[in-house]
Amino acid sequence: MAKKTKASKNKKSVRREYTKDDVKELRAHSKAKTSVAKLSKLMKRSEGSLRQKARTLGIGLGHQR
């Protein structure tokens, strides 16, 4: 029996494209100043992904507001 390492417990991330609705929602939450942690759970995306998309859109998110 092999021991499971911490890395094997982590889920593999699946890339999902941002739809127009996702972008609209991201802009709305940026204006509402929703925290990135809360937004991450709402949109089911990583904080890094959300920050990166916000940066490419030129909108503030988190501490960049």
N, C-alpha and C. Protein backbone atom coordinates (compact mmCIF):
# COMPACT_ATOMS: atom_id res chain seq x y z
N MET A 1 0.83 -1.19 0.00
CA MET A 1 0.00 0.00 0.00
C MET A 1 0.88 1.25 0.00
N ALA A 2 0.69 2.05 -0.99
CA ALA A 2 1.47 3.28 -1.10
C ALA A 2 0.78 4.40 -0.31
N LYS A 3 1.60 5.25 0.29
CA LYS A 3 1.06 6.38 1.02
C LYS A 3 0.66 7.47 0.05
N LYS A 4 -0.45 8.11 0.34
CA LYS A 4 -0.87 9.23 -0.50
C LYS A 4 -0.17 10.49 -0.03
N THR A 5 0.36 11.24 -0.95
CA THR A 5 1.00 12.50 -0.59
C THR A 5 -0.01 13.62 -0.65
N LYS A 6 0.35 14.76 -0.10
CA LYS A 6 -0.55 15.91 -0.12
C LYS A 6 -0.91 16.31 -1.54
N ALA A 7 0.05 16.24 -2.43
CA ALA A 7 -0.17 16.66 -3.81
C ALA A 7 -1.23 15.80 -4.50
N SER A 8 -1.30 14.54 -4.15
CA SER A 8 -2.27 13.67 -4.81
C SER A 8 -3.70 13.94 -4.35
N LYS A 9 -3.86 14.61 -3.21
CA LYS A 9 -5.19 14.93 -2.71
C LYS A 9 -5.77 16.15 -3.40
N ASN A 10 -4.91 17.00 -3.93
CA ASN A 10 -5.39 18.22 -4.59
C ASN A 10 -6.09 17.90 -5.89
N LYS A 11 -7.16 18.66 -6.16
CA LYS A 11 -7.88 18.47 -7.41
C LYS A 11 -7.09 19.08 -8.55
N LYS A 12 -7.17 18.46 -9.70
CA LYS A 12 -6.51 19.01 -10.88
C LYS A 12 -7.39 20.14 -11.41
N SER A 13 -6.79 21.27 -11.69
CA SER A 13 -7.57 22.40 -12.16
C SER A 13 -7.98 22.20 -13.62
N VAL A 14 -9.18 22.63 -13.92
CA VAL A 14 -9.72 22.51 -15.27
C VAL A 14 -9.90 23.91 -15.82
N ARG A 15 -9.31 24.16 -16.97
CA ARG A 15 -9.41 25.50 -17.57
C ARG A 15 -10.80 25.72 -18.13
N ARG A 16 -11.39 26.87 -17.78
CA ARG A 16 -12.68 27.25 -18.34
C ARG A 16 -12.55 28.66 -18.88
N GLU A 17 -13.02 28.87 -20.07
CA GLU A 17 -12.97 30.20 -20.68
C GLU A 17 -13.95 31.12 -19.94
N TYR A 18 -13.65 32.41 -19.95
CA TYR A 18 -14.56 33.40 -19.37
C TYR A 18 -15.61 33.76 -20.42
N THR A 19 -16.87 33.61 -20.05
CA THR A 19 -17.96 33.97 -20.96
C THR A 19 -18.26 35.46 -20.78
N LYS A 20 -19.11 36.00 -21.65
CA LYS A 20 -19.51 37.40 -21.53
C LYS A 20 -20.22 37.63 -20.20
N ASP A 21 -21.01 36.66 -19.77
CA ASP A 21 -21.71 36.78 -18.48
C ASP A 21 -20.73 36.78 -17.32
N ASP A 22 -19.66 35.96 -17.42
CA ASP A 22 -18.64 35.94 -16.37
C ASP A 22 -17.95 37.30 -16.25
N VAL A 23 -17.65 37.89 -17.39
CA VAL A 23 -16.98 39.20 -17.40
C VAL A 23 -17.91 40.26 -16.82
N LYS A 24 -19.19 40.19 -17.18
CA LYS A 24 -20.17 41.15 -16.67
C LYS A 24 -20.28 41.03 -15.14
N GLU A 25 -20.30 39.79 -14.66
CA GLU A 25 -20.38 39.54 -13.22
C GLU A 25 -19.12 40.04 -12.51
N LEU A 26 -17.97 39.82 -13.12
CA LEU A 26 -16.71 40.27 -12.54
C LEU A 26 -16.67 41.79 -12.44
N ARG A 27 -17.12 42.48 -13.47
CA ARG A 27 -17.17 43.95 -13.44
C ARG A 27 -18.13 44.45 -12.36
N ALA A 28 -19.28 43.79 -12.22
CA ALA A 28 -20.26 44.19 -11.21
C ALA A 28 -19.70 44.02 -9.80
N HIS A 29 -19.01 42.92 -9.56
CA HIS A 29 -18.43 42.68 -8.24
C HIS A 29 -17.26 43.62 -7.98
N SER A 30 -16.57 44.04 -9.01
CA SER A 30 -15.49 45.01 -8.84
C SER A 30 -16.07 46.34 -8.36
N LYS A 31 -17.17 46.76 -8.97
CA LYS A 31 -17.82 48.01 -8.56
C LYS A 31 -18.39 47.90 -7.15
N ALA A 32 -18.92 46.71 -6.81
CA ALA A 32 -19.51 46.49 -5.49
C ALA A 32 -18.44 46.26 -4.42
N LYS A 33 -17.19 46.18 -4.84
CA LYS A 33 -16.04 45.96 -3.95
C LYS A 33 -16.16 44.67 -3.14
N THR A 34 -16.60 43.61 -3.81
CA THR A 34 -16.67 42.28 -3.19
C THR A 34 -15.25 41.76 -2.99
N SER A 35 -14.99 41.13 -1.86
CA SER A 35 -13.65 40.61 -1.60
C SER A 35 -13.32 39.49 -2.59
N VAL A 36 -12.06 39.33 -2.89
CA VAL A 36 -11.63 38.33 -3.86
C VAL A 36 -11.91 36.92 -3.35
N ALA A 37 -11.75 36.71 -2.06
CA ALA A 37 -12.01 35.38 -1.48
C ALA A 37 -13.48 34.99 -1.65
N LYS A 38 -14.37 35.93 -1.38
CA LYS A 38 -15.80 35.67 -1.51
C LYS A 38 -16.17 35.46 -2.98
N LEU A 39 -15.60 36.29 -3.84
CA LEU A 39 -15.85 36.21 -5.27
C LEU A 39 -15.37 34.88 -5.85
N SER A 40 -14.25 34.40 -5.34
CA SER A 40 -13.68 33.13 -5.78
C SER A 40 -14.66 31.98 -5.53
N LYS A 41 -15.29 32.00 -4.37
CA LYS A 41 -16.26 30.95 -4.03
C LYS A 41 -17.53 31.09 -4.86
N LEU A 42 -17.97 32.34 -5.08
CA LEU A 42 -19.18 32.57 -5.86
C LEU A 42 -19.04 32.10 -7.30
N MET A 43 -17.90 32.45 -7.91
CA MET A 43 -17.70 32.14 -9.33
C MET A 43 -17.04 30.79 -9.57
N LYS A 44 -16.64 30.13 -8.48
CA LYS A 44 -15.96 28.83 -8.56
C LYS A 44 -14.72 28.90 -9.45
N ARG A 45 -13.91 29.93 -9.17
CA ARG A 45 -12.64 30.11 -9.86
C ARG A 45 -11.59 30.49 -8.83
N SER A 46 -10.32 30.27 -9.16
CA SER A 46 -9.27 30.60 -8.20
C SER A 46 -9.09 32.11 -8.10
N GLU A 47 -8.55 32.55 -6.96
CA GLU A 47 -8.31 33.97 -6.77
C GLU A 47 -7.33 34.49 -7.81
N GLY A 48 -6.32 33.69 -8.12
CA GLY A 48 -5.33 34.09 -9.12
C GLY A 48 -5.95 34.29 -10.49
N SER A 49 -6.86 33.40 -10.85
CA SER A 49 -7.53 33.50 -12.13
C SER A 49 -8.36 34.78 -12.22
N LEU A 50 -9.09 35.08 -11.14
CA LEU A 50 -9.91 36.28 -11.11
C LEU A 50 -9.06 37.54 -11.16
N ARG A 51 -7.97 37.55 -10.41
CA ARG A 51 -7.07 38.72 -10.42
C ARG A 51 -6.46 38.94 -11.81
N GLN A 52 -6.06 37.84 -12.44
CA GLN A 52 -5.44 37.93 -13.76
C GLN A 52 -6.44 38.45 -14.79
N LYS A 53 -7.67 37.96 -14.76
CA LYS A 53 -8.69 38.41 -15.71
C LYS A 53 -9.02 39.88 -15.48
N ALA A 54 -9.14 40.27 -14.21
CA ALA A 54 -9.42 41.67 -13.89
C ALA A 54 -8.30 42.57 -14.41
N ARG A 55 -7.09 42.11 -14.29
CA ARG A 55 -5.94 42.90 -14.77
C ARG A 55 -5.99 43.07 -16.29
N THR A 56 -6.32 42.00 -17.01
CA THR A 56 -6.38 42.10 -18.47
C THR A 56 -7.55 42.98 -18.92
N LEU A 57 -8.62 43.03 -18.09
CA LEU A 57 -9.77 43.89 -18.41
C LEU A 57 -9.52 45.33 -17.98
N GLY A 58 -8.51 45.54 -17.16
CA GLY A 58 -8.19 46.89 -16.70
C GLY A 58 -9.10 47.37 -15.58
N ILE A 59 -9.64 46.43 -14.80
CA ILE A 59 -10.48 46.81 -13.68
C ILE A 59 -9.79 46.43 -12.37
N GLY A 60 -10.09 47.15 -11.31
CA GLY A 60 -9.50 46.89 -10.02
C GLY A 60 -10.21 45.75 -9.31
N LEU A 61 -9.44 44.99 -8.57
CA LEU A 61 -9.99 43.88 -7.80
C LEU A 61 -9.11 43.70 -6.58
N GLY A 62 -9.72 43.56 -5.43
CA GLY A 62 -8.94 43.37 -4.21
C GLY A 62 -8.17 44.60 -3.84
N HIS A 63 -6.89 44.47 -3.55
CA HIS A 63 -6.09 45.61 -3.08
C HIS A 63 -5.76 46.61 -4.19
N GLN A 64 -6.07 46.30 -5.43
CA GLN A 64 -5.73 47.19 -6.55
C GLN A 64 -6.81 48.24 -6.82
N ARG A 65 -7.83 48.30 -5.96
CA ARG A 65 -8.91 49.26 -6.20
C ARG A 65 -8.54 50.64 -5.84
